[in-house]
Amino acid sequence: MPHESPKMIQRARQLRQPLTPAEAMLWRALRGRQANGLKFRRQHPIGPYVADFYCAQAQLVIEIDGASHLGQEEYDQARTAWLESQGYRVVRYTNSEVQENTAAVLENIVERCQHPPYPSADEPSCRRSSRATSTRPRRTISPMETRK
């Protein structure tokens, strides 16, 4: 995972102050582990970018696209491609989706977090468990086994 520069951390802190109405609505629903016990961060720096919301457990980046994103579709696509190349999943919602149907957006986010990507065999899992320090070998579960 890329290391965030002090400049990016400062930028993320600045962005936390003026939340858009849609971001504020979603943050009220996500903060404090209200969404199925998942921890979310807002305006979280990842490499050269700042994600609107981020769930580390599921490696999920949530972007809320409003008027400021009009005309920057190419930039958003490049940003999404970079984040995905680093192992993150990205989901985007419009301001109107969040404002008009917050419950459905929240349900979709929780669903995506419950089915995180499966790490490749040569990549350690980023998910933590209470047995993280155990010396016992872990049983590998295939994606098909988890959906039974």
Protein backbone atom coordinates (compact mmCIF):
# COMPACT_ATOMS: atom_id res chain seq x y z
CA MET A 1 0.00 0.00 0.00
CA PRO A 2 1.32 3.45 -0.81
CA HIS A 3 2.58 5.69 1.98
CA GLU A 4 0.68 8.96 2.33
CA SER A 5 2.74 12.14 2.35
CA PRO A 6 2.30 14.77 5.08
CA LYS A 7 0.94 17.08 2.36
CA MET A 8 -1.81 14.58 1.45
CA ILE A 9 -2.68 14.05 5.11
CA GLN A 10 -3.04 17.82 5.56
CA ARG A 11 -5.22 18.03 2.42
CA ALA A 12 -7.45 15.24 3.75
CA ARG A 13 -7.87 17.13 7.03
CA GLN A 14 -8.91 20.26 5.13
CA LEU A 15 -11.48 18.31 3.12
CA ARG A 16 -13.08 16.93 6.29
CA GLN A 17 -14.40 20.34 7.28
CA PRO A 18 -16.85 21.31 4.51
CA LEU A 19 -18.88 18.14 3.90
CA THR A 20 -21.44 18.34 1.12
CA PRO A 21 -25.04 17.65 2.19
CA ALA A 22 -24.89 14.18 0.58
CA GLU A 23 -21.57 13.36 2.27
CA ALA A 24 -22.97 14.54 5.62
CA MET A 25 -26.04 12.31 5.21
CA LEU A 26 -23.95 9.27 4.39
CA TRP A 27 -21.42 10.00 7.14
CA ARG A 28 -24.19 10.14 9.75
CA ALA A 29 -25.19 6.61 8.67
CA LEU A 30 -21.63 5.21 8.50
CA ARG A 31 -19.85 6.74 11.49
CA GLY A 32 -19.39 5.00 14.80
CA ARG A 33 -19.65 1.50 13.30
CA GLN A 34 -23.41 1.96 12.77
CA ALA A 35 -23.32 0.13 9.44
CA ASN A 36 -23.15 -3.54 10.42
CA GLY A 37 -20.23 -2.88 12.78
CA LEU A 38 -17.95 -1.76 9.93
CA LYS A 39 -15.45 1.04 10.51
CA PHE A 40 -15.38 3.81 7.92
CA ARG A 41 -13.06 6.77 7.59
CA ARG A 42 -13.96 9.95 5.77
CA GLN A 43 -11.65 11.98 3.55
CA HIS A 44 -9.00 9.30 3.86
CA PRO A 45 -5.70 9.75 1.96
CA ILE A 46 -4.68 6.85 -0.29
CA GLY A 47 -1.54 7.48 -2.29
CA PRO A 48 -1.99 10.67 -4.34
CA TYR A 49 -5.78 10.73 -3.74
CA VAL A 50 -8.23 11.43 -0.93
CA ALA A 51 -11.20 9.05 -0.78
CA ASP A 52 -14.55 10.44 0.36
CA PHE A 53 -15.07 7.34 2.53
CA TYR A 54 -12.98 4.23 3.10
CA CYS A 55 -13.54 0.88 4.80
CA ALA A 56 -10.13 -0.72 5.42
CA GLN A 57 -11.62 -4.09 6.40
CA ALA A 58 -13.17 -4.49 2.96
CA GLN A 59 -10.64 -2.33 1.06
CA LEU A 60 -13.63 -0.37 -0.24
CA VAL A 61 -13.38 3.24 -1.42
CA ILE A 62 -16.69 5.10 -1.60
CA GLU A 63 -16.94 8.19 -3.77
CA ILE A 64 -19.86 10.62 -3.78
CA ASP A 65 -20.03 12.40 -7.13
CA GLY A 66 -21.69 15.77 -7.22
CA ALA A 67 -21.53 18.85 -9.42
CA SER A 68 -17.77 19.13 -8.85
CA HIS A 69 -17.30 15.89 -10.79
CA LEU A 70 -19.04 17.11 -13.94
CA GLY A 71 -16.55 17.33 -16.77
CA GLN A 72 -13.88 15.34 -14.95
CA GLU A 73 -15.02 11.86 -15.91
CA GLU A 74 -11.61 11.07 -17.42
CA TYR A 75 -9.87 12.06 -14.20
CA ASP A 76 -12.32 9.96 -12.15
CA GLN A 77 -11.71 6.97 -14.44
CA ALA A 78 -7.93 7.33 -14.09
CA ARG A 79 -8.26 7.66 -10.33
CA THR A 80 -10.47 4.57 -10.12
CA ALA A 81 -8.05 2.62 -12.31
CA TRP A 82 -5.12 3.58 -10.07
CA LEU A 83 -6.97 2.67 -6.87
CA GLU A 84 -8.04 -0.69 -8.32
CA SER A 85 -4.47 -1.37 -9.44
CA GLN A 86 -3.45 -0.94 -5.79
CA GLY A 87 -5.97 -3.54 -4.64
CA TYR A 88 -8.86 -1.27 -3.64
CA ARG A 89 -12.44 -1.58 -4.84
CA VAL A 90 -14.20 1.64 -5.76
CA VAL A 91 -17.92 2.32 -5.73
CA ARG A 92 -19.48 5.62 -6.80
CA TYR A 93 -22.82 7.16 -5.96
CA THR A 94 -24.25 10.47 -7.08
CA ASN A 95 -25.35 13.15 -4.63
CA SER A 96 -28.95 12.57 -5.67
CA GLU A 97 -28.71 8.80 -5.06
CA VAL A 98 -27.49 9.42 -1.52
CA GLN A 99 -30.00 12.18 -0.79
CA GLU A 100 -33.02 10.48 -2.33
CA ASN A 101 -32.35 6.91 -1.21
CA THR A 102 -29.82 6.80 1.61
CA ALA A 103 -31.13 3.48 2.92
CA ALA A 104 -30.57 1.70 -0.41
CA VAL A 105 -27.08 3.21 -0.77
CA LEU A 106 -26.21 2.12 2.76
CA GLU A 107 -27.55 -1.38 2.10
CA ASN A 108 -25.46 -1.60 -1.06
CA ILE A 109 -22.31 -0.47 0.79
CA VAL A 110 -22.80 -3.04 3.56
CA GLU A 111 -23.41 -5.78 0.96
CA ARG A 112 -20.17 -4.87 -0.84
CA CYS A 113 -18.26 -4.89 2.45
CA GLN A 114 -19.58 -8.32 3.41
CA HIS A 115 -18.12 -9.78 0.23
CA PRO A 116 -14.58 -8.37 0.18
CA PRO A 117 -12.15 -9.32 -2.56
CA TYR A 118 -10.19 -12.48 -2.03
CA PRO A 119 -6.44 -11.89 -1.78
CA SER A 120 -4.22 -13.68 -4.23
CA ALA A 121 -2.18 -16.63 -2.95
CA ASP A 122 1.03 -14.56 -2.84
CA GLU A 123 -0.58 -11.60 -1.04
CA PRO A 124 -1.26 -11.56 2.73
CA SER A 125 -4.81 -10.85 3.84
CA CYS A 126 -5.50 -7.38 5.18
CA ARG A 127 -8.47 -8.58 7.20
CA ARG A 128 -7.86 -8.83 10.92
CA SER A 129 -9.28 -11.40 13.25
CA SER A 130 -8.97 -12.22 16.90
CA ARG A 131 -6.62 -15.05 15.86
CA ALA A 132 -4.24 -12.77 13.97
CA THR A 133 -1.37 -13.64 16.30
CA SER A 134 -2.10 -17.34 16.39
CA THR A 135 0.64 -19.70 15.24
CA ARG A 136 -1.90 -22.24 14.00
CA PRO A 137 -2.06 -22.59 10.24
CA ARG A 138 -5.18 -21.00 8.80
CA ARG A 139 -7.57 -22.95 6.63
CA THR A 140 -7.95 -21.41 3.21
CA ILE A 141 -11.56 -21.05 2.13
CA SER A 142 -12.32 -20.81 -1.54
CA PRO A 143 -14.87 -18.24 -2.79
CA MET A 144 -17.29 -21.06 -3.60
CA GLU A 145 -17.23 -22.35 0.00
CA THR A 146 -18.09 -18.94 1.43
CA ARG A 147 -21.25 -18.64 -0.67
CA LYS A 148 -22.86 -21.90 0.49
